[in-house]
Amino acid sequence: MLKNYLLIALRNFKRQKLFTGLNIFGLALGLASAIFIFLYVSDELRYDVMQPNFKNSYRVGITFTNGEGQSFDNTDIPGFFVKYLKDNRTDVIHASRIAYIGYPTSLNYKEKDKIILTEEIKWAEPNFPEVLYFNLLRGNKDKMFENPNSMVISETGAKRLFGKEDPIGKVISVKHRWATNDKEIDVMVTGVYKDYPSNSHFKPLYILNVNAFRTIYGQDFNFFMEGTRFDPQKQLGFFESYVTLKPGTDTKPIKASLDKLAYQLVHSDSAFAASGGKASAFFTKMSDLHFDKKNLWEDTNIRGDKTYLTIFSIIAVMIMFIACINYMNLATARSIKRAKEVGLRKSFGGQRSGIAQQFFLESFMTIIASLVLAVLLVILFLHPFNQLAHKTFAIGSLANAVIIAIVLGIVLFMGLLSGIYPAIYLSAFQPIEVLKGQIVKGKGAEFLRKSLVTVQYTVALILIICTFIVIKQMEQLKTTKLNQQGSQILSIRFGGIAQQDRFAEFKRSVLEDPDIQFVTMANHLPRLNYFGWIGTEVIR
């Protein structure tokens, strides 16, 4: 029976090439769009799932509050917090500290006189793979940080710095205004690791052994890592700090312990404490970092929003719905071509259920053909999509079990939805009326078909209107006064490198240039949502 259904379906496709081609292409466009959207949504919802024990892992922050009630959430905490957790809390399985120090770091490969500047660099404790995903491709994972002055680099980082050369054993001179006190330190490359996926909040291109700071801080290294007070003569280190807890552990007792340490830290700064300053720790689950609306945990200023993911998913369903309705309407519009076939089959004893199965089979065959074309379209446009979405999808991403399940679900959904009306409508034709050339179109069928067309155009118009609104908003942003002057504004990353008490002198010197109209200084660029800690003072 199935063989006969297949033969009939193939003959119909061959007889109606243009009609079949239009159906397949229309469904393929809808499928390809849905695959792209769900690929993005699935990737966002699976943020950081590659991290070991991500369900029981947390990142710890500290909130400082001044006497006026202004608060600042710092996503880095003092190093001695982590030491305390390691030494005193049995419910903490793993804990690791990672230093991220903003502004470009100079990596100098002197053998080939090649220098690159990068901010995609972290200084990590040797045990960081216990709490963060790390796939070492070359090198010894147990010994890669055996030497304090060592580093591992990503595949992309290796290509940027060494090209096609073998990076293992090469020596790099590292220099940073603060991290190395503006001095060069030599570190050896001991490993190459696989590039981090785009849905990992931790994705540096270069990872250095944090113990290399011993070369910089000398006797003050222990204070930098584990100092318990603010000291104007010494640098107290703040770190991105991760902990893995035993399953089912309540974070409240741990937070209470850290709050005592925070109290101790605040009272080491007598001026801040006297003004009513306070501090307290907070925990954020690894799985919540990307969608945290309060704090930005990624250095690349990327934050997820589940509201947008819901909107994107609704759009994907609407696109599939339009494609299915289009197929249904085209199929029923050509019903006269299939009427005699249905009439003859029924006159020879064919059952309505069997005829309905025939049309469902044709629907699924069309969807499968559309799926093949849709996958080809996805592969063809994958690179432009990655650039648009800031992702790193590869062809292998389509073989992900989650994506395969989603695609199969889409195929089943579209196959049933697009085939249900033609199957029910066409299989209902009466043999005697068909063979007499009199196909009676019921009012219900006409109403349903017209309703489907109305819905199709309504959904399409909604999507078009929304698209024009978004385009209009983007144009508005481009034509605002601030943006129009953007090409005339020069921003200099200043930070704490220059002395603020010399800003007035700098401003006077710059304004001597007749082409420069205004000079000002700000804590941060307005387009970013982080404006520095509450204790920052800026001289205008």
Protein backbone atom coordinates (compact mmCIF):
# COMPACT_ATOMS: atom_id res chain seq x y z
CA MET A 1 0.00 0.00 0.00
CA LEU A 2 2.76 2.43 0.97
CA LYS A 3 4.55 1.67 -2.32
CA ASN A 4 1.41 2.62 -4.27
CA TYR A 5 1.04 5.85 -2.29
CA LEU A 6 4.66 6.74 -3.06
CA LEU A 7 4.24 6.03 -6.77
CA ILE A 8 1.09 8.17 -6.94
CA ALA A 9 2.82 11.00 -5.07
CA LEU A 10 5.89 10.91 -7.34
CA ARG A 11 3.72 10.89 -10.47
CA ASN A 12 1.79 13.92 -9.21
CA PHE A 13 5.03 15.77 -8.43
CA LYS A 14 6.36 14.97 -11.90
CA ARG A 15 3.12 16.07 -13.58
CA GLN A 16 2.99 19.34 -11.66
CA LYS A 17 6.63 20.44 -11.61
CA LEU A 18 6.03 24.19 -11.25
CA PHE A 19 3.40 23.73 -8.55
CA THR A 20 5.64 21.28 -6.65
CA GLY A 21 8.66 23.57 -7.01
CA LEU A 22 6.74 26.56 -5.63
CA ASN A 23 5.51 24.54 -2.69
CA ILE A 24 8.95 23.16 -1.88
CA PHE A 25 10.69 26.55 -2.19
CA GLY A 26 8.04 28.35 -0.12
CA LEU A 27 8.19 25.77 2.65
CA ALA A 28 12.03 25.71 2.45
CA LEU A 29 12.21 29.47 3.08
CA GLY A 30 9.94 29.12 6.11
CA LEU A 31 11.91 26.14 7.39
CA ALA A 32 15.29 27.82 6.90
CA SER A 33 14.08 30.93 8.75
CA ALA A 34 12.73 28.80 11.59
CA ILE A 35 15.96 26.77 11.80
CA PHE A 36 18.06 29.95 12.04
CA ILE A 37 15.82 31.39 14.75
CA PHE A 38 15.64 28.21 16.81
CA LEU A 39 19.39 27.68 16.36
CA TYR A 40 19.93 31.08 17.96
CA VAL A 41 17.29 30.61 20.67
CA SER A 42 18.57 27.14 21.59
CA ASP A 43 22.14 28.44 21.77
CA GLU A 44 21.09 31.30 24.07
CA LEU A 45 19.04 29.05 26.36
CA ARG A 46 21.99 26.65 26.61
CA TYR A 47 24.40 29.36 27.72
CA ASP A 48 27.21 27.93 29.89
CA VAL A 49 25.82 24.38 29.91
CA MET A 50 29.28 23.19 28.86
CA GLN A 51 30.72 24.29 32.20
CA PRO A 52 31.42 21.35 34.56
CA ASN A 53 28.76 21.12 37.29
CA PHE A 54 27.15 24.29 35.98
CA LYS A 55 23.93 23.53 37.90
CA ASN A 56 25.83 23.72 41.19
CA SER A 57 28.34 26.40 40.26
CA TYR A 58 28.08 30.06 41.21
CA ARG A 59 29.91 33.28 40.63
CA VAL A 60 30.33 35.49 43.69
CA GLY A 61 30.03 39.28 43.72
CA ILE A 62 30.13 41.98 46.35
CA THR A 63 27.83 45.00 46.75
CA PHE A 64 29.28 48.21 48.16
CA THR A 65 26.85 50.79 49.54
CA ASN A 66 27.90 54.29 50.60
CA GLY A 67 26.42 56.44 53.37
CA GLU A 68 23.99 58.06 50.92
CA GLY A 69 22.46 54.72 50.01
CA GLN A 70 24.04 54.49 46.56
CA SER A 71 25.12 50.95 45.77
CA PHE A 72 27.53 49.39 43.33
CA ASP A 73 27.53 45.69 42.46
CA ASN A 74 31.06 44.52 41.81
CA THR A 75 31.23 41.24 39.94
CA ASP A 76 34.76 40.72 41.31
CA ILE A 77 35.49 39.94 44.95
CA PRO A 78 38.63 40.15 47.10
CA GLY A 79 40.90 37.14 46.77
CA PHE A 80 40.79 36.30 50.46
CA PHE A 81 37.06 35.52 50.18
CA VAL A 82 37.90 32.51 48.02
CA LYS A 83 40.76 31.44 50.30
CA TYR A 84 38.32 31.47 53.22
CA LEU A 85 35.83 29.30 51.30
CA LYS A 86 38.54 26.81 50.35
CA ASP A 87 39.86 26.54 53.90
CA ASN A 88 36.66 26.66 55.94
CA ARG A 89 33.64 25.48 53.99
CA THR A 90 33.27 21.73 53.41
CA ASP A 91 30.20 22.38 51.23
CA VAL A 92 32.46 24.12 48.68
CA ILE A 93 33.84 21.46 46.32
CA HIS A 94 35.88 23.74 44.06
CA ALA A 95 36.77 27.43 44.09
CA SER A 96 38.92 29.38 41.67
CA ARG A 97 40.01 32.98 41.07
CA ILE A 98 40.52 34.66 37.72
CA ALA A 99 41.87 38.15 37.19
CA TYR A 100 40.64 40.30 34.34
CA ILE A 101 42.37 43.65 34.07
CA GLY A 102 40.88 45.96 31.46
CA TYR A 103 42.67 47.83 28.70
CA PRO A 104 44.85 46.16 26.08
CA THR A 105 47.70 43.87 27.01
CA SER A 106 50.74 43.77 24.74
CA LEU A 107 51.88 40.32 23.63
CA ASN A 108 55.29 40.53 21.95
CA TYR A 109 56.63 37.55 20.02
CA LYS A 110 60.18 38.91 19.79
CA GLU A 111 61.51 36.03 17.73
CA LYS A 112 59.45 37.30 14.78
CA ASP A 113 59.09 40.89 16.03
CA LYS A 114 55.31 40.56 16.16
CA ILE A 115 53.20 42.47 18.67
CA ILE A 116 49.46 42.24 19.18
CA LEU A 117 47.26 44.18 21.61
CA THR A 118 44.38 42.30 23.15
CA GLU A 119 41.81 42.57 25.92
CA GLU A 120 40.72 38.96 25.45
CA ILE A 121 43.10 37.75 28.13
CA LYS A 122 42.65 36.32 31.65
CA TRP A 123 45.01 35.49 34.51
CA ALA A 124 43.75 32.26 36.07
CA GLU A 125 44.60 29.96 38.94
CA PRO A 126 45.89 26.53 37.83
CA ASN A 127 42.70 24.84 39.09
CA PHE A 128 40.32 26.90 36.90
CA PRO A 129 39.34 23.85 34.71
CA GLU A 130 37.62 22.43 37.80
CA VAL A 131 34.87 25.05 37.51
CA LEU A 132 35.13 26.26 33.91
CA TYR A 133 35.04 24.41 30.62
CA PHE A 134 38.51 23.94 29.15
CA ASN A 135 39.38 21.69 26.21
CA LEU A 136 43.17 21.45 25.88
CA LEU A 137 44.11 20.20 22.41
CA ARG A 138 47.88 20.26 22.79
CA GLY A 139 49.97 20.17 25.93
CA ASN A 140 49.73 18.54 29.35
CA LYS A 141 46.70 19.70 31.31
CA ASP A 142 48.22 18.67 34.66
CA LYS A 143 51.53 20.44 34.04
CA MET A 144 50.57 23.40 31.84
CA PHE A 145 50.78 25.85 34.78
CA GLU A 146 53.58 24.05 36.61
CA ASN A 147 55.82 27.01 35.82
CA PRO A 148 54.40 30.31 37.20
CA ASN A 149 55.43 32.17 34.05
CA SER A 150 53.31 30.14 31.63
CA MET A 151 50.30 30.63 29.41
CA VAL A 152 47.92 28.66 27.22
CA ILE A 153 46.35 30.08 24.08
CA SER A 154 43.29 29.34 22.01
CA GLU A 155 43.39 28.10 18.42
CA THR A 156 42.40 31.57 17.19
CA GLY A 157 44.96 33.22 19.48
CA ALA A 158 47.68 30.90 18.21
CA LYS A 159 46.91 31.79 14.59
CA ARG A 160 46.95 35.52 15.34
CA LEU A 161 50.26 35.39 17.15
CA PHE A 162 52.17 32.55 15.49
CA GLY A 163 50.44 31.92 12.17
CA LYS A 164 51.22 28.35 11.13
CA GLU A 165 54.10 27.93 13.58
CA ASP A 166 53.97 25.46 16.46
CA PRO A 167 53.33 27.70 19.51
CA ILE A 168 54.32 25.15 22.17
CA GLY A 169 57.50 26.24 23.95
CA LYS A 170 57.54 29.72 22.42
CA VAL A 171 58.30 32.65 24.73
CA ILE A 172 56.07 35.73 24.74
CA SER A 173 56.82 39.05 26.40
CA VAL A 174 53.72 40.35 28.18
CA LYS A 175 53.24 43.98 29.14
CA HIS A 176 50.34 45.88 30.70
CA ARG A 177 50.06 49.26 32.37
CA TRP A 178 48.70 47.80 35.62
CA ALA A 179 48.88 44.02 35.40
CA THR A 180 52.67 44.05 34.91
CA ASN A 181 53.35 47.54 36.27
CA ASP A 182 54.25 48.61 32.74
CA LYS A 183 57.14 46.12 32.69
CA GLU A 184 57.71 43.18 30.39
CA ILE A 185 57.56 39.65 31.77
CA ASP A 186 58.43 36.59 29.72
CA VAL A 187 55.99 33.67 29.72
CA MET A 188 56.14 30.35 27.90
CA VAL A 189 53.31 28.87 25.85
CA THR A 190 52.55 25.44 27.32
CA GLY A 191 49.30 24.54 25.58
CA VAL A 192 46.73 25.24 22.88
CA TYR A 193 43.04 24.93 23.72
CA LYS A 194 39.92 24.74 21.61
CA ASP A 195 38.14 28.05 21.03
CA TYR A 196 35.33 28.60 23.49
CA PRO A 197 31.81 28.37 22.07
CA SER A 198 29.92 31.63 21.66
CA ASN A 199 27.46 30.65 24.41
CA SER A 200 30.11 30.60 27.11
CA HIS A 201 30.42 33.75 29.22
CA PHE A 202 34.10 32.84 29.73
CA LYS A 203 35.87 32.85 26.36
CA PRO A 204 39.34 34.45 26.48
CA LEU A 205 41.82 33.93 23.67
CA TYR A 206 44.75 33.85 26.09
CA ILE A 207 44.98 32.47 29.64
CA LEU A 208 48.01 33.23 31.80
CA ASN A 209 49.00 31.64 35.07
CA VAL A 210 47.96 34.06 37.82
CA ASN A 211 51.11 33.04 39.73
CA ALA A 212 53.08 35.04 37.17
CA PHE A 213 52.09 38.03 39.32
CA ARG A 214 54.83 36.86 41.70
CA THR A 215 57.31 38.28 39.22
CA ILE A 216 55.51 41.64 39.43
CA TYR A 217 54.49 41.95 43.07
CA GLY A 218 57.34 40.07 44.73
CA GLN A 219 56.81 40.00 48.50
CA ASP A 220 53.42 41.72 48.08
CA PHE A 221 52.06 38.84 45.95
CA ASN A 222 50.41 37.11 48.91
CA PHE A 223 48.75 40.39 49.92
CA PHE A 224 47.52 40.89 46.35
CA MET A 225 45.98 37.40 46.32
CA GLU A 226 44.74 37.14 49.89
CA GLY A 227 45.01 40.52 51.64
CA THR A 228 42.17 41.17 54.08
CA ARG A 229 42.22 44.98 54.14
CA PHE A 230 42.64 48.06 51.98
CA ASP A 231 46.20 49.34 52.14
CA PRO A 232 47.32 52.53 50.35
CA GLN A 233 50.81 51.04 50.02
CA LYS A 234 49.76 47.69 48.57
CA GLN A 235 47.45 46.48 45.82
CA LEU A 236 44.53 44.33 46.97
CA GLY A 237 43.40 41.93 44.28
CA PHE A 238 39.77 41.57 43.18
CA PHE A 239 38.97 38.48 41.12
CA GLU A 240 36.26 36.84 39.06
CA SER A 241 35.51 34.11 41.58
CA TYR A 242 33.73 30.82 40.95
CA VAL A 243 32.62 28.17 43.43
CA THR A 244 31.11 24.73 42.94
CA LEU A 245 28.92 23.61 45.83
CA LYS A 246 27.71 20.20 46.84
CA PRO A 247 24.27 19.47 45.31
CA GLY A 248 21.46 20.88 47.44
CA THR A 249 23.71 23.31 49.35
CA ASP A 250 21.99 26.45 50.63
CA THR A 251 24.03 29.56 49.78
CA LYS A 252 22.63 31.63 52.68
CA PRO A 253 25.04 30.34 55.37
CA ILE A 254 27.97 30.83 52.99
CA LYS A 255 26.80 34.36 52.18
CA ALA A 256 26.55 35.11 55.91
CA SER A 257 30.16 34.03 56.35
CA LEU A 258 31.32 36.22 53.46
CA ASP A 259 29.31 39.17 54.79
CA LYS A 260 31.43 39.05 57.95
CA LEU A 261 34.55 39.24 55.78
CA ALA A 262 32.98 42.11 53.83
CA TYR A 263 32.36 43.96 57.11
CA GLN A 264 36.02 43.44 58.00
CA LEU A 265 37.10 44.76 54.61
CA VAL A 266 34.90 47.88 54.80
CA HIS A 267 36.21 48.77 58.26
CA SER A 268 39.79 48.60 57.01
CA ASP A 269 38.94 51.80 55.10
CA SER A 270 38.17 54.10 58.01
CA ALA A 271 36.85 56.95 55.84
CA PHE A 272 34.40 54.73 53.94
CA ALA A 273 33.26 53.00 57.13
CA ALA A 274 32.85 56.33 58.97
CA SER A 275 30.62 57.64 56.19
CA GLY A 276 28.23 54.71 56.70
CA GLY A 277 29.65 52.49 53.96
CA LYS A 278 28.63 48.83 53.90
CA ALA A 279 29.34 45.73 51.83
CA SER A 280 27.71 42.34 51.35
CA ALA A 281 28.31 39.31 49.14
CA PHE A 282 25.89 37.84 46.62
CA PHE A 283 25.77 34.60 44.62
CA THR A 284 24.61 34.14 41.05
CA LYS A 285 24.12 30.70 39.55
CA MET A 286 26.24 29.92 36.52
CA SER A 287 23.09 29.21 34.52
CA ASP A 288 21.75 32.71 35.30
CA LEU A 289 24.83 34.79 34.46
CA HIS A 290 23.90 35.46 30.85
CA PHE A 291 20.34 36.56 31.65
CA ASP A 292 21.10 38.59 34.77
CA LYS A 293 19.36 41.93 34.19
CA LYS A 294 21.11 43.62 37.09
CA ASN A 295 24.76 42.77 36.53
CA LEU A 296 26.87 42.32 33.45
CA TRP A 297 29.11 39.30 33.92
CA GLU A 298 30.64 39.18 30.45
CA ASP A 299 33.52 41.42 29.49
CA THR A 300 32.16 41.72 25.95
CA ASN A 301 29.06 43.68 27.09
CA ILE A 302 26.72 40.90 25.99
CA ARG A 303 23.57 40.20 27.97
CA GLY A 304 20.78 37.80 27.08
CA ASP A 305 17.10 38.62 27.31
CA LYS A 306 14.52 35.87 27.46
CA THR A 307 11.81 38.31 26.35
CA TYR A 308 13.53 38.67 22.99
CA LEU A 309 13.95 34.90 22.74
CA THR A 310 10.19 34.52 23.25
CA ILE A 311 9.52 37.13 20.54
CA PHE A 312 11.92 35.39 18.13
CA SER A 313 10.27 32.03 18.80
CA ILE A 314 6.81 33.51 18.14
CA ILE A 315 8.10 34.99 14.87
CA ALA A 316 9.47 31.57 13.86
CA VAL A 317 6.09 29.95 14.51
CA MET A 318 4.34 32.71 12.55
CA ILE A 319 6.68 32.20 9.59
CA MET A 320 6.04 28.45 9.62
CA PHE A 321 2.32 29.10 9.94
CA ILE A 322 2.37 31.34 6.85
CA ALA A 323 4.31 28.73 4.87
CA CYS A 324 1.87 25.99 5.89
CA ILE A 325 -1.20 28.06 5.03
CA ASN A 326 0.35 28.88 1.66
CA TYR A 327 0.80 25.16 0.96
CA MET A 328 -2.73 24.36 2.09
CA ASN A 329 -4.26 27.05 -0.11
CA LEU A 330 -2.23 26.06 -3.16
CA ALA A 331 -3.19 22.41 -2.66
CA THR A 332 -6.91 23.10 -2.31
CA ALA A 333 -6.85 25.64 -5.15
CA ARG A 334 -5.77 22.85 -7.46
CA SER A 335 -8.34 20.44 -6.05
CA ILE A 336 -10.11 20.16 -9.41
CA LYS A 337 -6.97 18.47 -10.78
CA ARG A 338 -7.22 15.76 -8.12
CA ALA A 339 -11.01 15.44 -8.01
CA LYS A 340 -11.32 12.73 -10.67
CA GLU A 341 -8.51 10.77 -9.03
CA VAL A 342 -10.40 10.82 -5.73
CA GLY A 343 -13.70 9.95 -7.45
CA LEU A 344 -12.22 6.96 -9.31
CA ARG A 345 -10.46 5.62 -6.23
CA LYS A 346 -13.65 5.82 -4.22
CA SER A 347 -15.70 4.20 -6.99
CA PHE A 348 -13.25 1.25 -6.93
CA GLY A 349 -13.67 0.84 -3.19
CA GLY A 350 -11.11 3.28 -1.88
CA GLN A 351 -11.66 4.43 1.69
CA ARG A 352 -11.59 8.05 2.76
CA SER A 353 -8.94 7.26 5.41
CA GLY A 354 -6.64 5.77 2.76
CA ILE A 355 -7.06 8.79 0.49
CA ALA A 356 -6.39 11.10 3.42
CA GLN A 357 -3.21 9.12 4.17
CA GLN A 358 -2.18 9.65 0.55
CA PHE A 359 -2.41 13.43 0.89
CA PHE A 360 -0.64 13.38 4.26
CA LEU A 361 2.16 11.38 2.65
CA GLU A 362 2.45 13.92 -0.16
CA SER A 363 2.57 16.68 2.42
CA PHE A 364 5.38 15.00 4.37
CA MET A 365 7.32 14.23 1.18
CA THR A 366 7.07 17.90 0.21
CA ILE A 367 8.21 18.94 3.70
CA ILE A 368 11.18 16.54 3.60
CA ALA A 369 12.22 17.87 0.18
CA SER A 370 11.82 21.38 1.60
CA LEU A 371 13.94 20.40 4.60
CA VAL A 372 16.79 19.32 2.35
CA LEU A 373 16.65 22.64 0.49
CA ALA A 374 16.28 24.54 3.81
CA VAL A 375 19.43 22.87 5.24
CA LEU A 376 21.34 23.85 2.08
CA LEU A 377 20.11 27.45 2.51
CA VAL A 378 21.15 27.43 6.17
CA ILE A 379 24.64 26.17 5.29
CA LEU A 380 24.91 28.78 2.52
CA PHE A 381 23.95 31.69 4.77
CA LEU A 382 25.51 30.42 8.02
CA HIS A 383 28.51 32.75 7.91
CA PRO A 384 26.47 35.95 7.34
CA PHE A 385 24.11 34.81 10.09
CA ASN A 386 27.04 34.34 12.49
CA GLN A 387 28.20 37.89 11.77
CA LEU A 388 24.70 39.25 12.36
CA ALA A 389 24.04 37.26 15.56
CA HIS A 390 27.62 37.37 16.93
CA LYS A 391 27.71 33.58 17.07
CA THR A 392 30.15 30.89 16.02
CA PHE A 393 27.85 28.29 14.52
CA ALA A 394 29.45 25.71 12.25
CA ILE A 395 27.87 23.08 10.02
CA GLY A 396 28.37 20.65 12.90
CA SER A 397 26.04 22.80 15.01
CA LEU A 398 23.15 21.46 12.95
CA ALA A 399 24.02 17.94 14.13
CA ASN A 400 23.40 18.93 17.74
CA ALA A 401 20.85 16.60 19.38
CA VAL A 402 18.73 19.54 20.52
CA ILE A 403 18.66 21.10 17.04
CA ILE A 404 17.86 17.74 15.43
CA ALA A 405 14.97 17.29 17.86
CA ILE A 406 13.72 20.82 17.13
CA VAL A 407 13.97 20.29 13.35
CA LEU A 408 12.14 16.96 13.56
CA GLY A 409 9.47 18.66 15.64
CA ILE A 410 9.17 21.42 13.02
CA VAL A 411 8.87 18.85 10.21
CA LEU A 412 6.17 16.95 12.10
CA PHE A 413 4.33 20.18 12.94
CA MET A 414 4.48 21.54 9.38
CA GLY A 415 3.69 18.16 7.81
CA LEU A 416 0.54 17.73 9.88
CA LEU A 417 -0.56 21.36 9.70
CA SER A 418 0.00 21.79 5.97
CA GLY A 419 -1.50 18.40 5.08
CA ILE A 420 -4.52 18.24 7.35
CA TYR A 421 -6.87 20.51 5.42
CA PRO A 422 -6.08 19.18 1.88
CA ALA A 423 -6.39 15.62 3.20
CA ILE A 424 -9.77 16.22 4.85
CA TYR A 425 -11.14 18.43 2.05
CA LEU A 426 -10.03 16.38 -0.97
CA SER A 427 -10.84 13.00 0.56
CA ALA A 428 -14.41 14.17 1.17
CA PHE A 429 -15.32 14.44 -2.57
CA GLN A 430 -18.28 12.24 -3.57
CA PRO A 431 -17.63 9.89 -6.55
CA ILE A 432 -20.93 10.47 -8.34
CA GLU A 433 -20.60 14.27 -8.19
CA VAL A 434 -16.98 14.19 -9.31
CA LEU A 435 -17.62 11.86 -12.23
CA LYS A 436 -20.55 14.05 -13.34
CA GLY A 437 -18.23 17.05 -13.21
CA GLN A 438 -20.16 18.60 -10.34
CA ILE A 439 -17.93 19.35 -7.35
CA VAL A 440 -19.99 20.90 -4.65
CA LYS A 441 -17.96 23.29 -2.53
CA GLY A 442 -19.48 23.55 0.89
CA LYS A 443 -19.88 26.87 2.58
CA GLY A 444 -17.80 25.61 5.51
CA ALA A 445 -14.86 24.76 3.24
CA GLU A 446 -15.09 28.11 1.47
CA PHE A 447 -15.26 29.95 4.79
CA LEU A 448 -12.26 28.05 6.16
CA ARG A 449 -10.19 28.67 3.03
CA LYS A 450 -11.01 32.38 3.03
CA SER A 451 -10.25 32.53 6.73
CA LEU A 452 -6.86 30.92 6.15
CA VAL A 453 -6.03 33.44 3.43
CA THR A 454 -7.11 36.27 5.75
CA VAL A 455 -4.96 34.92 8.58
CA GLN A 456 -2.02 34.45 6.21
CA TYR A 457 -2.17 38.05 4.99
CA THR A 458 -2.76 39.36 8.52
CA VAL A 459 0.30 37.58 9.91
CA ALA A 460 2.39 38.65 6.93
CA LEU A 461 1.28 42.28 7.32
CA ILE A 462 2.06 42.21 11.05
CA LEU A 463 5.58 40.98 10.33
CA ILE A 464 6.05 43.56 7.56
CA ILE A 465 4.75 46.42 9.74
CA CYS A 466 6.99 45.35 12.63
CA THR A 467 9.95 45.16 10.27
CA PHE A 468 9.30 48.68 9.00
CA ILE A 469 8.97 49.94 12.58
CA VAL A 470 12.34 48.44 13.50
CA ILE A 471 13.93 49.88 10.33
CA LYS A 472 12.41 53.27 11.15
CA GLN A 473 13.79 53.13 14.68
CA MET A 474 17.24 52.22 13.39
CA GLU A 475 17.09 55.11 10.93
CA GLN A 476 16.04 57.38 13.77
CA LEU A 477 19.09 56.31 15.75
CA LYS A 478 21.33 56.94 12.76
CA THR A 479 19.93 60.41 12.11
CA THR A 480 19.90 61.71 15.69
CA LYS A 481 22.04 64.71 16.42
CA LEU A 482 24.29 62.70 18.72
CA ASN A 483 24.89 60.04 16.10
CA GLN A 484 25.40 62.55 13.30
CA GLN A 485 28.15 64.12 15.38
CA GLY A 486 29.62 60.73 16.17
CA SER A 487 32.13 60.97 13.34
CA GLN A 488 33.31 64.26 14.85
CA ILE A 489 33.80 62.87 18.37
CA LEU A 490 37.08 61.31 19.42
CA SER A 491 37.08 59.13 22.53
CA ILE A 492 40.40 58.48 24.26
CA ARG A 493 40.54 55.58 26.71
CA PHE A 494 42.01 57.33 29.68
CA GLY A 495 41.19 55.31 32.79
CA GLY A 496 43.67 55.72 35.60
CA ILE A 497 46.71 55.90 33.34
CA ALA A 498 47.01 59.70 33.29
CA GLN A 499 46.92 61.95 36.33
CA GLN A 500 43.55 63.61 36.78
CA ASP A 501 45.06 66.70 38.37
CA ARG A 502 46.69 67.44 35.02
CA PHE A 503 43.42 67.23 33.06
CA ALA A 504 42.90 71.03 33.09
CA GLU A 505 46.33 71.51 31.56
CA PHE A 506 45.64 68.80 29.00
CA LYS A 507 42.29 70.38 28.14
CA ARG A 508 43.84 73.83 27.58
CA SER A 509 46.52 72.36 25.33
CA VAL A 510 44.02 70.44 23.22
CA LEU A 511 41.69 73.44 22.82
CA GLU A 512 44.53 75.40 21.27
CA ASP A 513 43.83 73.39 18.13
CA PRO A 514 41.27 75.47 16.15
CA ASP A 515 39.63 72.28 14.80
CA ILE A 516 38.68 71.13 18.31
CA GLN A 517 35.58 72.74 19.79
CA PHE A 518 34.92 70.94 23.09
CA VAL A 519 36.84 68.72 25.50
CA THR A 520 35.34 66.86 28.43
CA MET A 521 35.96 63.82 30.58
CA ALA A 522 33.54 61.10 31.65
CA ASN A 523 33.69 58.02 33.81
CA HIS A 524 32.50 55.83 30.94
CA LEU A 525 31.03 55.99 27.45
CA PRO A 526 27.25 56.72 27.51
CA ARG A 527 26.42 53.73 25.29
CA LEU A 528 27.61 51.35 28.00
CA ASN A 529 25.58 50.56 31.09
CA TYR A 530 28.53 50.41 33.47
CA PHE A 531 29.65 53.77 34.84
CA GLY A 532 32.27 52.77 37.36
CA TRP A 533 32.18 52.26 41.07
CA ILE A 534 30.43 54.68 43.41
CA GLY A 535 33.67 55.94 44.93
CA THR A 536 35.05 57.27 41.63
CA GLU A 537 35.73 60.99 41.52
CA VAL A 538 36.16 62.77 38.22
CA ILE A 539 37.67 66.25 37.80
CA ARG A 540 36.01 68.20 35.02
